[in-house]
N, C-alpha and C. Protein backbone atom coordinates (compact mmCIF):
# COMPACT_ATOMS: atom_id res chain seq x y z
N MET A 1 150.71 -14.08 -121.70
CA MET A 1 149.62 -14.86 -121.99
C MET A 1 149.96 -15.65 -123.29
N ASP A 2 149.67 -17.03 -123.27
CA ASP A 2 149.96 -17.84 -124.45
C ASP A 2 148.96 -17.73 -125.55
N THR A 3 149.29 -18.23 -126.69
CA THR A 3 148.39 -17.99 -127.83
C THR A 3 147.03 -18.72 -127.64
N PHE A 4 146.99 -19.96 -126.99
CA PHE A 4 145.70 -20.53 -126.69
C PHE A 4 144.86 -19.72 -125.84
N ALA A 5 145.50 -19.03 -124.76
CA ALA A 5 144.74 -18.22 -123.85
C ALA A 5 144.11 -16.91 -124.56
N ILE A 6 144.87 -16.42 -125.46
CA ILE A 6 144.45 -15.22 -126.24
C ILE A 6 143.23 -15.64 -127.11
N ALA A 7 143.36 -16.75 -127.82
CA ALA A 7 142.31 -17.25 -128.67
C ALA A 7 141.06 -17.61 -127.90
N ALA A 8 141.19 -18.15 -126.70
CA ALA A 8 140.10 -18.50 -125.87
C ALA A 8 139.39 -17.26 -125.42
N ARG A 9 140.11 -16.19 -124.98
CA ARG A 9 139.50 -14.91 -124.52
C ARG A 9 138.69 -14.40 -125.68
N ILE A 10 139.23 -14.33 -126.90
CA ILE A 10 138.50 -13.78 -127.98
C ILE A 10 137.25 -14.51 -128.23
N SER A 11 137.34 -15.94 -128.28
CA SER A 11 136.23 -16.80 -128.55
C SER A 11 135.11 -16.59 -127.47
N ARG A 12 135.50 -16.49 -126.22
CA ARG A 12 134.49 -16.34 -125.14
C ARG A 12 133.78 -14.92 -125.22
N ALA A 13 134.57 -13.92 -125.69
CA ALA A 13 133.92 -12.60 -125.78
C ALA A 13 132.95 -12.40 -126.92
N LEU A 14 132.98 -13.32 -127.86
CA LEU A 14 132.11 -13.18 -128.96
C LEU A 14 130.70 -13.74 -128.61
N PRO A 15 129.62 -13.12 -129.10
CA PRO A 15 128.39 -13.65 -128.82
C PRO A 15 128.15 -14.94 -129.50
N PRO A 16 127.12 -15.80 -129.09
CA PRO A 16 126.81 -17.00 -129.77
C PRO A 16 126.39 -16.67 -131.30
N PHE A 17 126.87 -17.51 -132.11
CA PHE A 17 126.49 -17.33 -133.55
C PHE A 17 126.69 -18.72 -134.19
N ARG A 18 125.87 -18.87 -135.36
CA ARG A 18 125.95 -20.12 -136.16
C ARG A 18 127.39 -20.24 -136.63
N GLY A 19 128.02 -21.42 -136.37
CA GLY A 19 129.41 -21.64 -136.88
C GLY A 19 130.50 -21.40 -135.84
N LYS A 20 130.11 -20.95 -134.64
CA LYS A 20 131.15 -20.66 -133.61
C LYS A 20 131.90 -21.96 -133.29
N GLY A 21 131.27 -23.10 -133.24
CA GLY A 21 131.97 -24.27 -132.98
C GLY A 21 133.04 -24.70 -134.04
N ARG A 22 132.61 -24.43 -135.31
CA ARG A 22 133.54 -24.64 -136.45
C ARG A 22 134.71 -23.71 -136.39
N MET A 23 134.41 -22.44 -135.95
CA MET A 23 135.50 -21.51 -135.75
C MET A 23 136.49 -21.92 -134.68
N THR A 24 135.92 -22.53 -133.61
CA THR A 24 136.78 -22.97 -132.50
C THR A 24 137.74 -24.13 -133.05
N LEU A 25 137.21 -25.01 -133.82
CA LEU A 25 138.01 -26.09 -134.38
C LEU A 25 139.03 -25.54 -135.30
N GLY A 26 138.69 -24.49 -136.04
CA GLY A 26 139.73 -23.90 -136.90
C GLY A 26 140.79 -23.21 -136.10
N LEU A 27 140.47 -22.53 -134.97
CA LEU A 27 141.48 -22.02 -134.09
C LEU A 27 142.35 -23.06 -133.53
N ARG A 28 141.79 -24.23 -133.16
CA ARG A 28 142.54 -25.34 -132.66
C ARG A 28 143.59 -25.75 -133.59
N SER A 29 143.15 -25.99 -134.92
CA SER A 29 144.10 -26.42 -135.87
C SER A 29 145.26 -25.42 -136.18
N LEU A 30 144.97 -24.21 -136.07
CA LEU A 30 145.93 -23.15 -136.25
C LEU A 30 146.92 -23.15 -135.18
N LEU A 31 146.49 -23.44 -133.91
CA LEU A 31 147.35 -23.34 -132.73
C LEU A 31 148.05 -24.68 -132.36
N MET A 32 147.87 -25.67 -133.15
CA MET A 32 148.40 -27.06 -132.71
C MET A 32 149.93 -27.03 -132.64
N GLY A 33 150.63 -26.16 -133.12
CA GLY A 33 152.13 -26.12 -132.85
C GLY A 33 152.50 -25.68 -131.47
N THR A 34 151.54 -25.16 -130.71
CA THR A 34 151.75 -24.68 -129.34
C THR A 34 151.38 -25.83 -128.40
N ASN A 35 151.72 -25.68 -127.12
CA ASN A 35 151.43 -26.70 -126.07
C ASN A 35 149.87 -26.85 -125.99
N PRO A 36 149.40 -28.07 -126.32
CA PRO A 36 147.96 -28.29 -126.25
C PRO A 36 147.36 -28.48 -124.82
N ILE A 37 148.27 -28.61 -123.77
CA ILE A 37 147.76 -28.89 -122.46
C ILE A 37 147.58 -27.46 -121.85
N VAL A 38 146.33 -27.15 -121.41
CA VAL A 38 145.94 -25.92 -120.97
C VAL A 38 145.18 -25.98 -119.61
N HIS A 39 145.15 -24.92 -118.94
CA HIS A 39 144.30 -24.79 -117.65
C HIS A 39 143.26 -23.83 -117.97
N CYS A 40 142.00 -24.12 -117.61
CA CYS A 40 140.85 -23.33 -117.99
C CYS A 40 139.93 -22.99 -116.77
N GLN A 41 139.51 -21.74 -116.68
CA GLN A 41 138.47 -21.34 -115.78
C GLN A 41 137.19 -21.52 -116.44
N MET A 42 136.36 -22.39 -115.98
CA MET A 42 135.02 -22.65 -116.61
C MET A 42 134.05 -21.57 -116.19
N ALA A 43 133.05 -21.35 -116.95
CA ALA A 43 132.01 -20.32 -116.66
C ALA A 43 131.28 -20.64 -115.32
N ALA A 44 131.23 -21.89 -114.96
CA ALA A 44 130.49 -22.27 -113.70
C ALA A 44 131.41 -22.06 -112.46
N GLY A 45 132.65 -21.66 -112.69
CA GLY A 45 133.52 -21.31 -111.65
C GLY A 45 134.64 -22.30 -111.25
N HIS A 46 134.51 -23.52 -111.73
CA HIS A 46 135.59 -24.51 -111.50
C HIS A 46 136.72 -24.40 -112.54
N ARG A 47 137.88 -25.07 -112.29
CA ARG A 47 138.98 -25.06 -113.15
C ARG A 47 139.22 -26.47 -113.64
N LEU A 48 139.75 -26.56 -114.82
CA LEU A 48 140.09 -27.86 -115.42
C LEU A 48 141.44 -27.80 -116.18
N ARG A 49 142.22 -28.82 -116.10
CA ARG A 49 143.37 -29.03 -117.03
C ARG A 49 142.68 -29.80 -118.23
N LEU A 50 142.94 -29.24 -119.45
CA LEU A 50 142.46 -29.80 -120.61
C LEU A 50 143.52 -30.13 -121.64
N ASP A 51 143.32 -31.01 -122.54
CA ASP A 51 144.15 -31.37 -123.66
C ASP A 51 143.49 -30.97 -124.97
N CYS A 52 143.90 -29.83 -125.55
CA CYS A 52 143.18 -29.31 -126.76
C CYS A 52 143.39 -30.17 -128.01
N ARG A 53 144.11 -31.31 -127.86
CA ARG A 53 144.05 -32.22 -129.08
C ARG A 53 142.72 -32.98 -129.05
N VAL A 54 142.05 -32.89 -127.97
CA VAL A 54 140.74 -33.61 -127.82
C VAL A 54 139.65 -32.56 -128.17
N GLN A 55 138.85 -32.80 -129.14
CA GLN A 55 137.81 -31.87 -129.62
C GLN A 55 136.94 -31.33 -128.46
N SER A 56 136.42 -32.25 -127.68
CA SER A 56 135.58 -31.78 -126.58
C SER A 56 136.23 -30.90 -125.58
N HIS A 57 137.52 -31.13 -125.35
CA HIS A 57 138.31 -30.26 -124.38
C HIS A 57 138.50 -28.95 -124.99
N CYS A 58 138.86 -28.93 -126.30
CA CYS A 58 139.02 -27.69 -127.04
C CYS A 58 137.81 -26.84 -127.00
N TRP A 59 136.66 -27.32 -127.22
CA TRP A 59 135.47 -26.64 -127.23
C TRP A 59 135.23 -26.06 -125.81
N ALA A 60 135.44 -26.93 -124.75
CA ALA A 60 135.29 -26.37 -123.33
C ALA A 60 136.16 -25.27 -123.11
N TYR A 61 137.51 -25.36 -123.55
CA TYR A 61 138.44 -24.31 -123.35
C TYR A 61 138.03 -23.02 -123.99
N PHE A 62 137.57 -23.05 -125.27
CA PHE A 62 137.28 -21.87 -125.98
C PHE A 62 135.90 -21.23 -125.60
N SER A 63 135.05 -22.11 -125.05
CA SER A 63 133.70 -21.60 -124.65
C SER A 63 133.54 -21.42 -123.17
N GLY A 64 134.37 -22.05 -122.34
CA GLY A 64 134.26 -22.09 -120.97
C GLY A 64 133.01 -22.79 -120.41
N GLN A 65 132.39 -23.76 -121.27
CA GLN A 65 131.27 -24.39 -120.86
C GLN A 65 131.40 -25.94 -121.39
N TYR A 66 130.72 -26.73 -120.57
CA TYR A 66 130.61 -28.20 -121.04
C TYR A 66 129.33 -28.76 -120.42
N ASP A 67 128.30 -28.96 -121.13
CA ASP A 67 127.06 -29.51 -120.80
C ASP A 67 126.55 -28.83 -119.53
N ASP A 68 126.65 -27.51 -119.46
CA ASP A 68 126.29 -26.73 -118.21
C ASP A 68 124.78 -26.96 -117.83
N ALA A 69 123.90 -27.03 -118.79
CA ALA A 69 122.44 -27.24 -118.46
C ALA A 69 122.26 -28.49 -117.78
N LYS A 70 122.89 -29.63 -118.37
CA LYS A 70 122.69 -30.93 -117.79
C LYS A 70 123.37 -30.99 -116.45
N ILE A 71 124.52 -30.43 -116.34
CA ILE A 71 125.15 -30.39 -114.95
C ILE A 71 124.36 -29.68 -113.95
N SER A 72 123.75 -28.57 -114.31
CA SER A 72 122.86 -27.80 -113.41
C SER A 72 121.69 -28.65 -112.97
N THR A 73 121.12 -29.42 -113.89
CA THR A 73 120.08 -30.32 -113.45
C THR A 73 120.47 -31.39 -112.50
N LEU A 74 121.61 -31.93 -112.80
CA LEU A 74 122.20 -33.02 -111.87
C LEU A 74 122.47 -32.39 -110.44
N LEU A 75 122.96 -31.14 -110.45
CA LEU A 75 123.25 -30.50 -109.14
C LEU A 75 122.00 -30.37 -108.33
N SER A 76 120.88 -30.14 -109.00
CA SER A 76 119.53 -29.89 -108.28
C SER A 76 119.17 -31.27 -107.54
N PHE A 77 119.74 -32.40 -107.85
CA PHE A 77 119.43 -33.69 -107.26
C PHE A 77 120.32 -33.96 -105.99
N LEU A 78 121.46 -33.26 -105.87
CA LEU A 78 122.38 -33.49 -104.75
C LEU A 78 121.69 -33.03 -103.41
N ARG A 79 121.89 -33.83 -102.40
CA ARG A 79 121.28 -33.64 -101.10
C ARG A 79 122.35 -33.58 -100.02
N PRO A 80 122.15 -32.93 -98.86
CA PRO A 80 123.06 -33.04 -97.76
C PRO A 80 123.24 -34.49 -97.43
N ASN A 81 124.52 -34.84 -97.21
CA ASN A 81 124.85 -36.17 -96.73
C ASN A 81 124.57 -37.27 -97.81
N GLY A 82 124.22 -36.86 -99.05
CA GLY A 82 123.95 -37.86 -100.09
C GLY A 82 125.17 -38.29 -100.81
N VAL A 83 125.03 -39.17 -101.72
CA VAL A 83 126.02 -39.75 -102.56
C VAL A 83 125.57 -39.70 -104.03
N ALA A 84 126.38 -39.16 -104.89
CA ALA A 84 126.13 -39.16 -106.39
C ALA A 84 127.15 -40.06 -107.04
N LEU A 85 126.74 -40.56 -108.12
CA LEU A 85 127.60 -41.49 -108.86
C LEU A 85 127.80 -41.01 -110.29
N ASP A 86 129.08 -40.96 -110.76
CA ASP A 86 129.44 -40.50 -112.07
C ASP A 86 130.09 -41.64 -112.80
N VAL A 87 129.42 -42.37 -113.63
CA VAL A 87 129.95 -43.50 -114.37
C VAL A 87 130.55 -43.09 -115.69
N GLY A 88 131.77 -43.39 -115.94
CA GLY A 88 132.48 -42.79 -117.17
C GLY A 88 132.95 -41.42 -116.82
N ALA A 89 133.51 -41.20 -115.69
CA ALA A 89 133.86 -39.79 -115.17
C ALA A 89 134.85 -39.08 -116.05
N ASN A 90 135.59 -39.77 -116.88
CA ASN A 90 136.56 -39.09 -117.81
C ASN A 90 137.45 -38.26 -116.96
N ILE A 91 137.75 -37.01 -117.35
CA ILE A 91 138.62 -36.22 -116.57
C ILE A 91 137.96 -35.22 -115.61
N GLY A 92 136.64 -35.40 -115.42
CA GLY A 92 135.86 -34.72 -114.43
C GLY A 92 134.99 -33.60 -114.91
N PHE A 93 134.52 -33.62 -116.19
CA PHE A 93 133.71 -32.57 -116.66
C PHE A 93 132.40 -32.46 -115.83
N TYR A 94 131.86 -33.59 -115.37
CA TYR A 94 130.71 -33.55 -114.53
C TYR A 94 131.12 -33.71 -113.02
N THR A 95 132.14 -34.51 -112.75
CA THR A 95 132.50 -34.80 -111.41
C THR A 95 132.96 -33.57 -110.65
N VAL A 96 133.80 -32.75 -111.30
CA VAL A 96 134.34 -31.58 -110.56
C VAL A 96 133.24 -30.60 -110.15
N PRO A 97 132.32 -30.16 -111.00
CA PRO A 97 131.33 -29.22 -110.54
C PRO A 97 130.37 -29.86 -109.55
N MET A 98 130.08 -31.15 -109.69
CA MET A 98 129.28 -31.84 -108.66
C MET A 98 130.02 -31.89 -107.28
N ALA A 99 131.28 -32.15 -107.42
CA ALA A 99 132.07 -32.31 -106.18
C ALA A 99 132.12 -30.96 -105.35
N ARG A 100 132.25 -29.86 -106.14
CA ARG A 100 132.30 -28.49 -105.48
C ARG A 100 130.96 -28.26 -104.73
N VAL A 101 129.85 -28.62 -105.27
CA VAL A 101 128.58 -28.45 -104.64
C VAL A 101 128.39 -29.48 -103.53
N ALA A 102 128.80 -30.76 -103.75
CA ALA A 102 128.77 -31.79 -102.76
C ALA A 102 129.57 -31.45 -101.53
N LYS A 103 130.63 -30.79 -101.71
CA LYS A 103 131.54 -30.41 -100.53
C LYS A 103 130.79 -29.42 -99.67
N VAL A 104 130.02 -28.48 -100.17
CA VAL A 104 129.27 -27.46 -99.43
C VAL A 104 128.16 -28.24 -98.70
N LEU A 105 127.47 -29.18 -99.38
CA LEU A 105 126.32 -29.93 -98.78
C LEU A 105 126.75 -31.04 -97.81
N GLY A 106 128.02 -31.35 -97.78
CA GLY A 106 128.46 -32.47 -96.93
C GLY A 106 128.15 -33.85 -97.63
N ALA A 107 128.01 -33.82 -98.96
CA ALA A 107 127.74 -35.07 -99.66
C ALA A 107 129.05 -35.64 -100.23
N ARG A 108 128.96 -36.79 -100.96
CA ARG A 108 130.11 -37.42 -101.48
C ARG A 108 129.76 -37.79 -102.93
N ILE A 109 130.83 -38.00 -103.74
CA ILE A 109 130.75 -38.36 -105.07
C ILE A 109 131.54 -39.67 -105.29
N VAL A 110 131.04 -40.62 -106.06
CA VAL A 110 131.80 -41.78 -106.50
C VAL A 110 131.93 -41.62 -108.04
N ALA A 111 133.19 -41.53 -108.45
CA ALA A 111 133.50 -41.39 -109.88
C ALA A 111 134.12 -42.69 -110.38
N VAL A 112 133.51 -43.29 -111.36
CA VAL A 112 134.04 -44.59 -112.01
C VAL A 112 134.60 -44.24 -113.37
N GLU A 113 135.91 -44.63 -113.57
CA GLU A 113 136.56 -44.26 -114.79
C GLU A 113 137.59 -45.42 -115.15
N PRO A 114 137.37 -46.16 -116.21
CA PRO A 114 138.28 -47.39 -116.46
C PRO A 114 139.61 -47.04 -117.09
N ILE A 115 139.72 -45.80 -117.66
CA ILE A 115 141.06 -45.51 -118.38
C ILE A 115 142.02 -44.86 -117.44
N ALA A 116 143.14 -45.49 -117.17
CA ALA A 116 144.14 -44.97 -116.14
C ALA A 116 144.55 -43.55 -116.40
N SER A 117 144.80 -43.06 -117.66
CA SER A 117 145.24 -41.75 -117.89
C SER A 117 144.14 -40.69 -117.59
N ASN A 118 142.93 -41.15 -117.86
CA ASN A 118 141.73 -40.28 -117.54
C ASN A 118 141.60 -40.09 -116.02
N CYS A 119 141.84 -41.22 -115.21
CA CYS A 119 141.78 -41.19 -113.76
C CYS A 119 142.81 -40.28 -113.22
N GLU A 120 144.01 -40.30 -113.82
CA GLU A 120 145.10 -39.35 -113.33
C GLU A 120 144.66 -37.95 -113.50
N TRP A 121 144.11 -37.57 -114.67
CA TRP A 121 143.63 -36.22 -114.98
C TRP A 121 142.47 -35.88 -114.13
N LEU A 122 141.60 -36.82 -113.77
CA LEU A 122 140.46 -36.57 -112.91
C LEU A 122 140.92 -36.22 -111.54
N GLU A 123 141.93 -36.95 -110.98
CA GLU A 123 142.51 -36.79 -109.66
C GLU A 123 143.13 -35.35 -109.70
N TYR A 124 143.84 -35.04 -110.77
CA TYR A 124 144.44 -33.62 -110.85
C TYR A 124 143.47 -32.54 -110.81
N ASN A 125 142.43 -32.68 -111.58
CA ASN A 125 141.28 -31.66 -111.61
C ASN A 125 140.55 -31.58 -110.33
N LEU A 126 140.36 -32.65 -109.59
CA LEU A 126 139.71 -32.62 -108.25
C LEU A 126 140.67 -31.89 -107.27
N THR A 127 141.93 -32.13 -107.36
CA THR A 127 142.96 -31.42 -106.47
C THR A 127 142.92 -29.94 -106.77
N LEU A 128 142.94 -29.64 -108.10
CA LEU A 128 142.94 -28.24 -108.58
C LEU A 128 141.84 -27.47 -107.97
N ASN A 129 140.70 -28.10 -107.66
CA ASN A 129 139.44 -27.50 -107.21
C ASN A 129 139.23 -27.71 -105.74
N GLY A 130 140.17 -28.28 -105.10
CA GLY A 130 140.13 -28.47 -103.58
C GLY A 130 138.96 -29.43 -103.14
N CYS A 131 138.63 -30.36 -104.00
CA CYS A 131 137.57 -31.28 -103.54
C CYS A 131 137.85 -32.78 -103.74
N LYS A 132 139.23 -33.06 -103.85
CA LYS A 132 139.56 -34.48 -103.97
C LYS A 132 139.09 -35.39 -102.81
N GLU A 133 139.13 -34.86 -101.58
CA GLU A 133 138.75 -35.60 -100.41
C GLU A 133 137.28 -36.08 -100.34
N ILE A 134 136.50 -35.54 -101.12
CA ILE A 134 135.05 -35.96 -100.99
C ILE A 134 134.65 -36.86 -102.25
N VAL A 135 135.63 -37.16 -103.06
CA VAL A 135 135.38 -37.96 -104.27
C VAL A 135 136.10 -39.34 -104.17
N ASP A 136 135.42 -40.37 -104.32
CA ASP A 136 136.05 -41.75 -104.36
C ASP A 136 136.19 -42.04 -105.86
N VAL A 137 137.41 -42.22 -106.36
CA VAL A 137 137.61 -42.57 -107.72
C VAL A 137 137.86 -44.00 -107.86
N TRP A 138 136.97 -44.74 -108.59
CA TRP A 138 137.13 -46.14 -108.82
C TRP A 138 137.71 -46.38 -110.22
N PRO A 139 138.87 -46.95 -110.27
CA PRO A 139 139.62 -47.00 -111.63
C PRO A 139 139.22 -48.33 -112.35
N PHE A 140 137.95 -48.60 -112.62
CA PHE A 140 137.56 -49.72 -113.40
C PHE A 140 136.22 -49.47 -114.11
N ALA A 141 135.85 -50.42 -114.94
CA ALA A 141 134.54 -50.29 -115.63
C ALA A 141 133.46 -50.98 -114.79
N LEU A 142 132.27 -50.61 -115.09
CA LEU A 142 131.14 -51.29 -114.46
C LEU A 142 130.46 -52.18 -115.45
N SER A 143 129.96 -53.26 -115.09
CA SER A 143 129.27 -54.26 -115.93
C SER A 143 128.32 -55.04 -115.11
N ASP A 144 127.47 -55.82 -115.77
CA ASP A 144 126.54 -56.78 -115.16
C ASP A 144 127.24 -58.07 -114.82
N LYS A 145 128.51 -58.26 -115.19
CA LYS A 145 129.28 -59.48 -114.86
C LYS A 145 130.72 -59.10 -114.63
N GLU A 146 131.35 -60.02 -113.75
CA GLU A 146 132.76 -59.76 -113.49
C GLU A 146 133.60 -60.22 -114.63
N GLY A 147 134.77 -59.55 -114.86
CA GLY A 147 135.63 -59.97 -115.87
C GLY A 147 136.49 -58.82 -116.42
N GLU A 148 137.09 -59.04 -117.53
CA GLU A 148 137.80 -57.97 -118.25
C GLU A 148 137.20 -57.67 -119.53
N ALA A 149 137.41 -56.44 -120.01
CA ALA A 149 136.90 -55.96 -121.26
C ALA A 149 137.89 -55.15 -122.01
N ARG A 150 137.92 -55.27 -123.35
CA ARG A 150 138.85 -54.36 -124.13
C ARG A 150 138.05 -53.08 -124.40
N MET A 151 138.74 -52.04 -124.15
CA MET A 151 138.16 -50.72 -124.41
C MET A 151 138.88 -50.10 -125.58
N ILE A 152 138.06 -49.46 -126.47
CA ILE A 152 138.68 -48.67 -127.56
C ILE A 152 138.85 -47.28 -127.10
N LEU A 153 140.11 -46.78 -127.32
CA LEU A 153 140.44 -45.46 -126.94
C LEU A 153 140.26 -44.58 -128.16
N SER A 154 139.24 -43.76 -128.16
CA SER A 154 138.85 -42.90 -129.29
C SER A 154 139.14 -41.45 -129.03
N GLU A 155 138.52 -40.63 -129.86
CA GLU A 155 138.66 -39.22 -129.91
C GLU A 155 140.04 -38.73 -129.59
N GLY A 156 140.42 -38.19 -128.44
CA GLY A 156 141.64 -37.60 -128.11
C GLY A 156 142.84 -38.49 -128.33
N PHE A 157 142.66 -39.84 -128.01
CA PHE A 157 143.76 -40.68 -128.20
C PHE A 157 144.23 -40.84 -129.70
N LEU A 158 143.19 -40.65 -130.61
CA LEU A 158 143.54 -40.75 -132.04
C LEU A 158 144.27 -39.49 -132.45
N ALA A 159 144.15 -38.40 -131.74
CA ALA A 159 144.81 -37.12 -132.17
C ALA A 159 146.19 -37.07 -131.49
N GLY A 160 146.67 -38.11 -130.74
CA GLY A 160 147.93 -38.05 -130.06
C GLY A 160 147.82 -37.57 -128.63
N GLY A 161 146.69 -37.39 -128.11
CA GLY A 161 146.43 -36.98 -126.70
C GLY A 161 146.64 -38.16 -125.82
N THR A 162 146.73 -37.81 -124.52
CA THR A 162 146.89 -38.89 -123.46
C THR A 162 145.58 -39.12 -122.77
N VAL A 163 144.54 -38.35 -123.03
CA VAL A 163 143.23 -38.61 -122.45
C VAL A 163 142.23 -38.59 -123.60
N GLY A 164 140.97 -39.02 -123.21
CA GLY A 164 139.95 -38.95 -124.26
C GLY A 164 138.75 -39.90 -123.84
N ASN A 165 137.91 -40.22 -124.87
CA ASN A 165 136.78 -40.98 -124.61
C ASN A 165 137.10 -42.44 -124.93
N ALA A 166 136.36 -43.32 -124.37
CA ALA A 166 136.62 -44.78 -124.56
C ALA A 166 135.27 -45.45 -124.62
N MET A 167 135.23 -46.65 -125.23
CA MET A 167 134.03 -47.40 -125.43
C MET A 167 134.40 -48.87 -125.40
N ILE A 168 133.45 -49.75 -125.13
CA ILE A 168 133.72 -51.21 -125.18
C ILE A 168 134.03 -51.60 -126.63
N ASP A 169 135.08 -52.46 -126.72
CA ASP A 169 135.53 -52.90 -128.06
C ASP A 169 134.42 -53.71 -128.70
N SER A 170 134.44 -53.66 -130.07
CA SER A 170 133.45 -54.40 -130.81
C SER A 170 134.13 -54.90 -132.19
N PRO A 171 133.69 -56.00 -132.74
CA PRO A 171 134.27 -56.44 -133.95
C PRO A 171 134.04 -55.46 -135.16
N HIS A 172 133.17 -54.54 -134.97
CA HIS A 172 132.85 -53.54 -136.00
C HIS A 172 133.98 -52.52 -136.21
N TYR A 173 134.81 -52.43 -135.21
CA TYR A 173 135.90 -51.54 -135.31
C TYR A 173 137.18 -52.27 -135.74
N GLY A 174 137.79 -51.81 -136.84
CA GLY A 174 138.96 -52.47 -137.36
C GLY A 174 140.08 -52.63 -136.40
N ASP A 175 140.87 -53.62 -136.66
CA ASP A 175 141.99 -53.93 -135.70
C ASP A 175 142.96 -52.75 -135.58
N ASP A 176 143.22 -52.00 -136.64
CA ASP A 176 144.29 -51.05 -136.62
C ASP A 176 143.78 -49.59 -136.51
N ASP A 177 142.43 -49.44 -136.51
CA ASP A 177 141.92 -48.08 -136.42
C ASP A 177 142.05 -47.35 -135.06
N PHE A 178 142.04 -48.07 -133.97
CA PHE A 178 141.97 -47.46 -132.63
C PHE A 178 142.97 -48.07 -131.71
N LYS A 179 143.49 -47.37 -130.72
CA LYS A 179 144.24 -47.88 -129.66
C LYS A 179 143.27 -48.57 -128.76
N ARG A 180 143.80 -49.59 -128.04
CA ARG A 180 142.88 -50.26 -127.12
C ARG A 180 143.57 -50.47 -125.75
N ALA A 181 142.75 -50.69 -124.69
CA ALA A 181 143.20 -50.90 -123.40
C ALA A 181 142.35 -51.93 -122.74
N THR A 182 142.81 -52.63 -121.84
CA THR A 182 142.02 -53.64 -121.05
C THR A 182 141.65 -53.07 -119.73
N SER A 183 140.39 -53.19 -119.36
CA SER A 183 139.83 -52.75 -118.03
C SER A 183 139.28 -53.90 -117.31
N HIS A 184 139.26 -53.79 -116.00
CA HIS A 184 138.80 -54.83 -115.09
C HIS A 184 137.49 -54.35 -114.41
């Protein structure tokens, strides 16, 4: 068992307490010499490949959770033969658990994600959970008009990761502070 897995087991075994998130970030910084790409069994039952250079991924790995209450609420809206939309699907934190339930219901998911590397990880995570065939991944951004937009690659990309969060570029962000990508 690798060092990340041992630390995650310890973290998950601890009861909730004030400062547990900060402890997780401390563990992450201590373990950064090891391979940051990990596979995780989430508490809700699905599996994800995560990059622990991304803070939200690291938290999900050490806790086994990611917005579980919100995802549970969304799952209650899925209907047989229905379609759900995940805009800004990232690597599948919401898409994968929705797809697992949609597969049972005979429903479909449309996942929209403009960042190519996030789409690759999303496809990987869908395959990992045996639900790729019921999800349509649209590799572009949604807008009220046609065109191209520059996206700022934040969070994980700043830490050297290959995946992470993105947002529409703005003059408020300095030219050299963030990596950027163009989306259609």
